[in-house]
């Protein structure tokens, strides 16, 4: 399903002429961290719940435009970039604009997280390995070569930690037997942080994701 199918318009964007009281009442009804704001038909940004409750209720949004946060994504933005934008802006709602800057609606964070849960990294059976090496010494091409040279398939990999010029990479491998792969990583001077045939790390990630979804749906 295209990501644009997840665009929602249940809550209409507020106008700058709306009162702060209306904004505060809307936040009381919703679980959103932000609400989109428009000037006529033009999107100008979002107001946060924290800011809205600090303002005088008899005034209008137009008097507090200096706190408006201008984040958004395009309708063709990839879902990983959308997820990154959610994290960077500490929000659970993301306005979506077309290429002409017209406001189309918004994404909800739990919908985007659900896409992550359906990727092969989570959905396909396999094992998890976490490897560690110096930042200037590791290579994703080398990691792929190590996995595939052992007749295994790489289902996903991401950098899960960077600290003191040392990087950790979490790898999902579509193979039940990980022993030979782990030994190959060691021969290439990778430190094995975790290597389980049962994907305990994956289960932990899914548990965290499920908890977040439950929290968002409260």
C-alpha atoms as a PDB file:
ATOM      1  CA  UNK A   1       0.000   0.000   0.000  1.00  0.00           C
ATOM      2  CA  UNK A   2       1.434   3.462  -0.902  1.00  0.00           C
ATOM      3  CA  UNK A   3       2.322   5.570   2.116  1.00  0.00           C
ATOM      4  CA  UNK A   4      -0.074   8.273   0.881  1.00  0.00           C
ATOM      5  CA  UNK A   5      -2.932   5.879   1.694  1.00  0.00           C
ATOM      6  CA  UNK A   6      -2.202   6.576   5.370  1.00  0.00           C
ATOM      7  CA  UNK A   7      -2.891  10.320   5.081  1.00  0.00           C
ATOM      8  CA  UNK A   8      -5.679  11.278   7.504  1.00  0.00           C
ATOM      9  CA  UNK A   9      -8.025  14.264   7.483  1.00  0.00           C
ATOM     10  CA  UNK A  10     -10.173  13.480  10.513  1.00  0.00           C
ATOM     11  CA  UNK A  11      -8.979  16.630  12.266  1.00  0.00           C
ATOM     12  CA  UNK A  12      -8.974  19.764  10.148  1.00  0.00           C
ATOM     13  CA  UNK A  13      -6.072  22.178  10.443  1.00  0.00           C
ATOM     14  CA  UNK A  14      -6.760  25.231  12.605  1.00  0.00           C
ATOM     15  CA  UNK A  15      -6.731  28.764  11.222  1.00  0.00           C
ATOM     16  CA  UNK A  16      -4.620  31.588  12.644  1.00  0.00           C
ATOM     17  CA  UNK A  17      -7.843  33.451  13.504  1.00  0.00           C
ATOM     18  CA  UNK A  18      -8.968  30.661  15.858  1.00  0.00           C
ATOM     19  CA  UNK A  19      -8.874  31.359  19.561  1.00  0.00           C
ATOM     20  CA  UNK A  20      -6.432  29.786  21.970  1.00  0.00           C
ATOM     21  CA  UNK A  21      -9.443  28.542  23.923  1.00  0.00           C
ATOM     22  CA  UNK A  22     -10.567  26.508  20.892  1.00  0.00           C
ATOM     23  CA  UNK A  23      -7.050  25.106  20.552  1.00  0.00           C
ATOM     24  CA  UNK A  24      -6.907  24.118  24.223  1.00  0.00           C
ATOM     25  CA  UNK A  25     -10.315  22.433  24.047  1.00  0.00           C
ATOM     26  CA  UNK A  26      -9.265  20.501  20.946  1.00  0.00           C
ATOM     27  CA  UNK A  27      -6.147  19.220  22.698  1.00  0.00           C
ATOM     28  CA  UNK A  28      -8.316  18.050  25.594  1.00  0.00           C
ATOM     29  CA  UNK A  29     -10.284  15.908  23.126  1.00  0.00           C
ATOM     30  CA  UNK A  30      -7.249  14.441  21.353  1.00  0.00           C
ATOM     31  CA  UNK A  31      -4.063  12.550  22.128  1.00  0.00           C
ATOM     32  CA  UNK A  32      -2.009  14.574  19.629  1.00  0.00           C
ATOM     33  CA  UNK A  33       1.165  16.353  20.676  1.00  0.00           C
ATOM     34  CA  UNK A  34       0.663  18.993  17.949  1.00  0.00           C
ATOM     35  CA  UNK A  35      -2.098  20.401  15.737  1.00  0.00           C
ATOM     36  CA  UNK A  36      -1.489  21.799  12.215  1.00  0.00           C
ATOM     37  CA  UNK A  37      -2.141  25.502  11.576  1.00  0.00           C
ATOM     38  CA  UNK A  38      -3.059  27.189   8.295  1.00  0.00           C
ATOM     39  CA  UNK A  39      -3.399  30.774   7.126  1.00  0.00           C
ATOM     40  CA  UNK A  40      -6.352  30.487   4.757  1.00  0.00           C
ATOM     41  CA  UNK A  41      -5.252  27.518   2.606  1.00  0.00           C
ATOM     42  CA  UNK A  42      -1.518  27.749   3.319  1.00  0.00           C
ATOM     43  CA  UNK A  43       0.076  25.487   5.921  1.00  0.00           C
ATOM     44  CA  UNK A  44       2.359  27.471   8.231  1.00  0.00           C
ATOM     45  CA  UNK A  45       3.289  24.925  10.915  1.00  0.00           C
ATOM     46  CA  UNK A  46       2.104  23.183  14.083  1.00  0.00           C
ATOM     47  CA  UNK A  47       1.381  24.329  17.602  1.00  0.00           C
ATOM     48  CA  UNK A  48       2.317  22.001  20.452  1.00  0.00           C
ATOM     49  CA  UNK A  49       0.011  21.044  23.294  1.00  0.00           C
ATOM     50  CA  UNK A  50       2.581  22.287  25.817  1.00  0.00           C
ATOM     51  CA  UNK A  51       2.652  25.762  24.277  1.00  0.00           C
ATOM     52  CA  UNK A  52      -1.116  25.986  23.808  1.00  0.00           C
ATOM     53  CA  UNK A  53      -1.794  25.460  27.509  1.00  0.00           C
ATOM     54  CA  UNK A  54       0.627  28.265  28.432  1.00  0.00           C
ATOM     55  CA  UNK A  55      -1.238  30.978  26.506  1.00  0.00           C
ATOM     56  CA  UNK A  56      -4.156  33.237  27.353  1.00  0.00           C
ATOM     57  CA  UNK A  57      -7.362  31.574  26.199  1.00  0.00           C
ATOM     58  CA  UNK A  58      -9.056  34.802  25.008  1.00  0.00           C
ATOM     59  CA  UNK A  59      -6.319  35.563  22.479  1.00  0.00           C
ATOM     60  CA  UNK A  60      -5.957  34.111  18.982  1.00  0.00           C
ATOM     61  CA  UNK A  61      -3.304  31.947  17.381  1.00  0.00           C
ATOM     62  CA  UNK A  62      -2.164  34.927  15.294  1.00  0.00           C
ATOM     63  CA  UNK A  63      -0.677  36.465  18.463  1.00  0.00           C
ATOM     64  CA  UNK A  64       1.551  33.439  19.097  1.00  0.00           C
ATOM     65  CA  UNK A  65       2.900  32.590  15.663  1.00  0.00           C
ATOM     66  CA  UNK A  66       6.459  32.804  16.992  1.00  0.00           C
ATOM     67  CA  UNK A  67       6.036  29.369  18.634  1.00  0.00           C
ATOM     68  CA  UNK A  68       4.757  27.648  15.498  1.00  0.00           C
ATOM     69  CA  UNK A  69       6.927  24.676  14.493  1.00  0.00           C
ATOM     70  CA  UNK A  70       7.247  24.367  10.727  1.00  0.00           C
ATOM     71  CA  UNK A  71       7.901  20.642  10.307  1.00  0.00           C
ATOM     72  CA  UNK A  72       6.241  18.554   7.565  1.00  0.00           C
ATOM     73  CA  UNK A  73       6.909  15.822   5.014  1.00  0.00           C
ATOM     74  CA  UNK A  74       5.994  15.457   1.336  1.00  0.00           C
ATOM     75  CA  UNK A  75       3.457  12.935   0.087  1.00  0.00           C
ATOM     76  CA  UNK A  76       6.269  11.042  -1.688  1.00  0.00           C
ATOM     77  CA  UNK A  77       8.670  11.028   1.324  1.00  0.00           C
ATOM     78  CA  UNK A  78       9.863   7.501   2.118  1.00  0.00           C
ATOM     79  CA  UNK A  79       8.465   5.970   5.302  1.00  0.00           C
ATOM     80  CA  UNK A  80      11.855   5.703   7.006  1.00  0.00           C
ATOM     81  CA  UNK A  81      12.410   9.428   6.415  1.00  0.00           C
ATOM     82  CA  UNK A  82       8.901  10.088   7.750  1.00  0.00           C
ATOM     83  CA  UNK A  83       9.714   8.067  10.868  1.00  0.00           C
ATOM     84  CA  UNK A  84      12.941  10.028  11.293  1.00  0.00           C
ATOM     85  CA  UNK A  85      11.020  13.300  11.048  1.00  0.00           C
ATOM     86  CA  UNK A  86       8.648  12.119  13.793  1.00  0.00           C
ATOM     87  CA  UNK A  87      11.645  11.448  16.051  1.00  0.00           C
ATOM     88  CA  UNK A  88      13.475  14.690  15.255  1.00  0.00           C
ATOM     89  CA  UNK A  89      10.417  16.801  16.040  1.00  0.00           C
ATOM     90  CA  UNK A  90       9.196  14.820  19.063  1.00  0.00           C
ATOM     91  CA  UNK A  91       5.664  14.592  17.702  1.00  0.00           C
ATOM     92  CA  UNK A  92       2.994  11.956  17.082  1.00  0.00           C
ATOM     93  CA  UNK A  93       1.399  13.786  14.143  1.00  0.00           C
ATOM     94  CA  UNK A  94       3.121  14.739  10.872  1.00  0.00           C
ATOM     95  CA  UNK A  95       1.590  17.181   8.344  1.00  0.00           C
ATOM     96  CA  UNK A  96       1.838  16.107   4.691  1.00  0.00           C
ATOM     97  CA  UNK A  97       2.261  18.598   1.822  1.00  0.00           C
ATOM     98  CA  UNK A  98       2.293  18.084  -1.932  1.00  0.00           C
ATOM     99  CA  UNK A  99       4.970  19.519  -4.233  1.00  0.00           C
ATOM    100  CA  UNK A 100       3.041  22.800  -4.441  1.00  0.00           C
ATOM    101  CA  UNK A 101       3.008  23.123  -0.623  1.00  0.00           C
ATOM    102  CA  UNK A 102      -0.708  22.371  -0.411  1.00  0.00           C
ATOM    103  CA  UNK A 103      -1.733  20.778   2.889  1.00  0.00           C
ATOM    104  CA  UNK A 104      -3.057  17.244   2.277  1.00  0.00           C
ATOM    105  CA  UNK A 105      -3.581  15.967   5.813  1.00  0.00           C
ATOM    106  CA  UNK A 106      -1.354  14.220   8.327  1.00  0.00           C
ATOM    107  CA  UNK A 107       0.227  10.915   9.313  1.00  0.00           C
ATOM    108  CA  UNK A 108      -0.132   9.409  12.771  1.00  0.00           C
ATOM    109  CA  UNK A 109       2.979   7.939  14.385  1.00  0.00           C
ATOM    110  CA  UNK A 110       1.431   4.566  15.249  1.00  0.00           C
ATOM    111  CA  UNK A 111       0.461   4.021  11.599  1.00  0.00           C
ATOM    112  CA  UNK A 112       4.055   4.571  10.466  1.00  0.00           C
ATOM    113  CA  UNK A 113       5.419   2.315  13.212  1.00  0.00           C
ATOM    114  CA  UNK A 114       3.052  -0.436  12.051  1.00  0.00           C
ATOM    115  CA  UNK A 115       4.771  -0.343   8.645  1.00  0.00           C
ATOM    116  CA  UNK A 116       8.085  -1.071  10.362  1.00  0.00           C
ATOM    117  CA  UNK A 117       6.541  -4.085  12.094  1.00  0.00           C
ATOM    118  CA  UNK A 118       5.561  -5.550   8.724  1.00  0.00           C
ATOM    119  CA  UNK A 119       9.022  -5.309   7.152  1.00  0.00           C
ATOM    120  CA  UNK A 120      11.031  -8.537   6.642  1.00  0.00           C
ATOM    121  CA  UNK A 121      13.309  -7.441   9.480  1.00  0.00           C
ATOM    122  CA  UNK A 122      10.447  -8.142  11.884  1.00  0.00           C
ATOM    123  CA  UNK A 123       8.123 -10.429   9.960  1.00  0.00           C
ATOM    124  CA  UNK A 124      10.512 -13.020   8.492  1.00  0.00           C
ATOM    125  CA  UNK A 125      11.993 -15.847  10.605  1.00  0.00           C
ATOM    126  CA  UNK A 126      15.716 -15.681  11.230  1.00  0.00           C
ATOM    127  CA  UNK A 127      18.423 -14.801  13.723  1.00  0.00           C
ATOM    128  CA  UNK A 128      19.852 -11.594  15.129  1.00  0.00           C
ATOM    129  CA  UNK A 129      23.545 -10.774  15.473  1.00  0.00           C
ATOM    130  CA  UNK A 130      24.961  -7.561  16.934  1.00  0.00           C
ATOM    131  CA  UNK A 131      28.542  -6.900  15.858  1.00  0.00           C
ATOM    132  CA  UNK A 132      30.960  -4.155  16.884  1.00  0.00           C
ATOM    133  CA  UNK A 133      33.969  -2.603  15.199  1.00  0.00           C
ATOM    134  CA  UNK A 134      35.838   0.701  14.937  1.00  0.00           C
ATOM    135  CA  UNK A 135      33.907   3.408  13.114  1.00  0.00           C
ATOM    136  CA  UNK A 136      36.592   3.782  10.439  1.00  0.00           C
ATOM    137  CA  UNK A 137      37.065   0.023  10.048  1.00  0.00           C
ATOM    138  CA  UNK A 138      33.571  -1.377   9.504  1.00  0.00           C
ATOM    139  CA  UNK A 139      31.910  -1.690   6.100  1.00  0.00           C
ATOM    140  CA  UNK A 140      28.330  -2.592   5.170  1.00  0.00           C
ATOM    141  CA  UNK A 141      29.608  -4.224   1.997  1.00  0.00           C
ATOM    142  CA  UNK A 142      31.933  -6.363   4.105  1.00  0.00           C
ATOM    143  CA  UNK A 143      29.085  -7.272   6.463  1.00  0.00           C
ATOM    144  CA  UNK A 144      26.943  -8.364   3.514  1.00  0.00           C
ATOM    145  CA  UNK A 145      29.850 -10.363   2.059  1.00  0.00           C
ATOM    146  CA  UNK A 146      30.399 -12.171   5.370  1.00  0.00           C
ATOM    147  CA  UNK A 147      26.737 -13.156   5.632  1.00  0.00           C
ATOM    148  CA  UNK A 148      26.332 -14.217   2.004  1.00  0.00           C
ATOM    149  CA  UNK A 149      29.636 -16.116   1.895  1.00  0.00           C
ATOM    150  CA  UNK A 150      28.065 -18.441   4.469  1.00  0.00           C
ATOM    151  CA  UNK A 151      25.069 -19.103   2.178  1.00  0.00           C
ATOM    152  CA  UNK A 152      22.740 -16.979   4.299  1.00  0.00           C
ATOM    153  CA  UNK A 153      20.431 -14.125   3.328  1.00  0.00           C
ATOM    154  CA  UNK A 154      20.645 -10.674   4.873  1.00  0.00           C
ATOM    155  CA  UNK A 155      17.136  -9.496   5.820  1.00  0.00           C
ATOM    156  CA  UNK A 156      18.186  -6.164   7.291  1.00  0.00           C
ATOM    157  CA  UNK A 157      20.883  -4.249   9.119  1.00  0.00           C
ATOM    158  CA  UNK A 158      21.078  -0.930  10.896  1.00  0.00           C
ATOM    159  CA  UNK A 159      23.517   1.027  13.036  1.00  0.00           C
ATOM    160  CA  UNK A 160      22.189   0.624  16.568  1.00  0.00           C
ATOM    161  CA  UNK A 161      24.928   2.424  18.533  1.00  0.00           C
ATOM    162  CA  UNK A 162      27.884   4.760  18.007  1.00  0.00           C
ATOM    163  CA  UNK A 163      30.093   5.544  20.989  1.00  0.00           C
ATOM    164  CA  UNK A 164      33.773   6.513  21.333  1.00  0.00           C
ATOM    165  CA  UNK A 165      34.474   5.862  17.637  1.00  0.00           C
ATOM    166  CA  UNK A 166      33.081   2.333  17.937  1.00  0.00           C
ATOM    167  CA  UNK A 167      29.988   1.308  16.012  1.00  0.00           C
ATOM    168  CA  UNK A 168      27.481  -1.477  16.643  1.00  0.00           C
ATOM    169  CA  UNK A 169      25.458  -2.952  13.775  1.00  0.00           C
ATOM    170  CA  UNK A 170      22.346  -5.049  14.375  1.00  0.00           C
ATOM    171  CA  UNK A 171      21.877  -7.660  11.641  1.00  0.00           C
ATOM    172  CA  UNK A 172      18.854  -9.861  10.843  1.00  0.00           C
ATOM    173  CA  UNK A 173      19.865 -13.033   9.008  1.00  0.00           C
ATOM    174  CA  UNK A 174      17.502 -15.482   7.349  1.00  0.00           C
ATOM    175  CA  UNK A 175      19.286 -18.530   8.667  1.00  0.00           C
ATOM    176  CA  UNK A 176      18.763 -20.771  11.679  1.00  0.00           C
ATOM    177  CA  UNK A 177      22.427 -21.669  12.164  1.00  0.00           C
ATOM    178  CA  UNK A 178      24.506 -18.611  12.988  1.00  0.00           C
ATOM    179  CA  UNK A 179      27.629 -20.263  14.385  1.00  0.00           C
ATOM    180  CA  UNK A 180      29.688 -20.188  11.172  1.00  0.00           C
ATOM    181  CA  UNK A 181      28.649 -16.618  10.455  1.00  0.00           C
ATOM    182  CA  UNK A 182      29.684 -15.520  13.948  1.00  0.00           C
ATOM    183  CA  UNK A 183      33.054 -17.196  13.536  1.00  0.00           C
ATOM    184  CA  UNK A 184      33.571 -15.455  10.189  1.00  0.00           C
ATOM    185  CA  UNK A 185      32.802 -12.080  11.758  1.00  0.00           C
ATOM    186  CA  UNK A 186      35.429 -12.817  14.410  1.00  0.00           C
ATOM    187  CA  UNK A 187      38.002 -13.663  11.732  1.00  0.00           C
ATOM    188  CA  UNK A 188      37.309 -10.235  10.231  1.00  0.00           C
ATOM    189  CA  UNK A 189      38.000  -8.644  13.664  1.00  0.00           C
ATOM    190  CA  UNK A 190      34.367  -7.881  14.547  1.00  0.00           C
ATOM    191  CA  UNK A 191      33.485  -8.145  18.209  1.00  0.00           C
ATOM    192  CA  UNK A 192      30.296 -10.173  18.722  1.00  0.00           C
ATOM    193  CA  UNK A 193      28.056  -8.327  21.169  1.00  0.00           C
ATOM    194  CA  UNK A 194      25.135 -10.710  20.806  1.00  0.00           C
ATOM    195  CA  UNK A 195      24.479 -13.719  18.601  1.00  0.00           C
ATOM    196  CA  UNK A 196      21.359 -15.747  19.288  1.00  0.00           C
ATOM    197  CA  UNK A 197      19.742 -18.345  17.098  1.00  0.00           C
ATOM    198  CA  UNK A 198      16.489 -17.294  18.715  1.00  0.00           C
ATOM    199  CA  UNK A 199      15.763 -13.685  17.930  1.00  0.00           C
ATOM    200  CA  UNK A 200      15.479 -12.375  21.510  1.00  0.00           C
ATOM    201  CA  UNK A 201      16.609  -8.907  20.469  1.00  0.00           C
ATOM    202  CA  UNK A 202      13.898  -8.802  17.802  1.00  0.00           C
ATOM    203  CA  UNK A 203      11.283  -9.872  20.351  1.00  0.00           C
ATOM    204  CA  UNK A 204      12.414  -7.054  22.644  1.00  0.00           C
ATOM    205  CA  UNK A 205      12.069  -4.532  19.828  1.00  0.00           C
ATOM    206  CA  UNK A 206       8.608  -5.809  18.980  1.00  0.00           C
ATOM    207  CA  UNK A 207       7.573  -5.703  22.656  1.00  0.00           C
ATOM    208  CA  UNK A 208       8.710  -2.081  22.821  1.00  0.00           C
ATOM    209  CA  UNK A 209       6.854  -1.271  19.613  1.00  0.00           C
ATOM    210  CA  UNK A 210       3.684  -2.974  20.869  1.00  0.00           C
ATOM    211  CA  UNK A 211       3.941  -1.051  24.136  1.00  0.00           C
ATOM    212  CA  UNK A 212       4.318   2.214  22.224  1.00  0.00           C
ATOM    213  CA  UNK A 213       1.280   1.411  20.112  1.00  0.00           C
ATOM    214  CA  UNK A 214      -0.767   0.693  23.232  1.00  0.00           C
ATOM    215  CA  UNK A 215       0.428   3.981  24.779  1.00  0.00           C
ATOM    216  CA  UNK A 216      -0.502   5.938  21.649  1.00  0.00           C
ATOM    217  CA  UNK A 217      -3.972   4.371  21.634  1.00  0.00           C
ATOM    218  CA  UNK A 218      -4.778   5.250  25.253  1.00  0.00           C
END
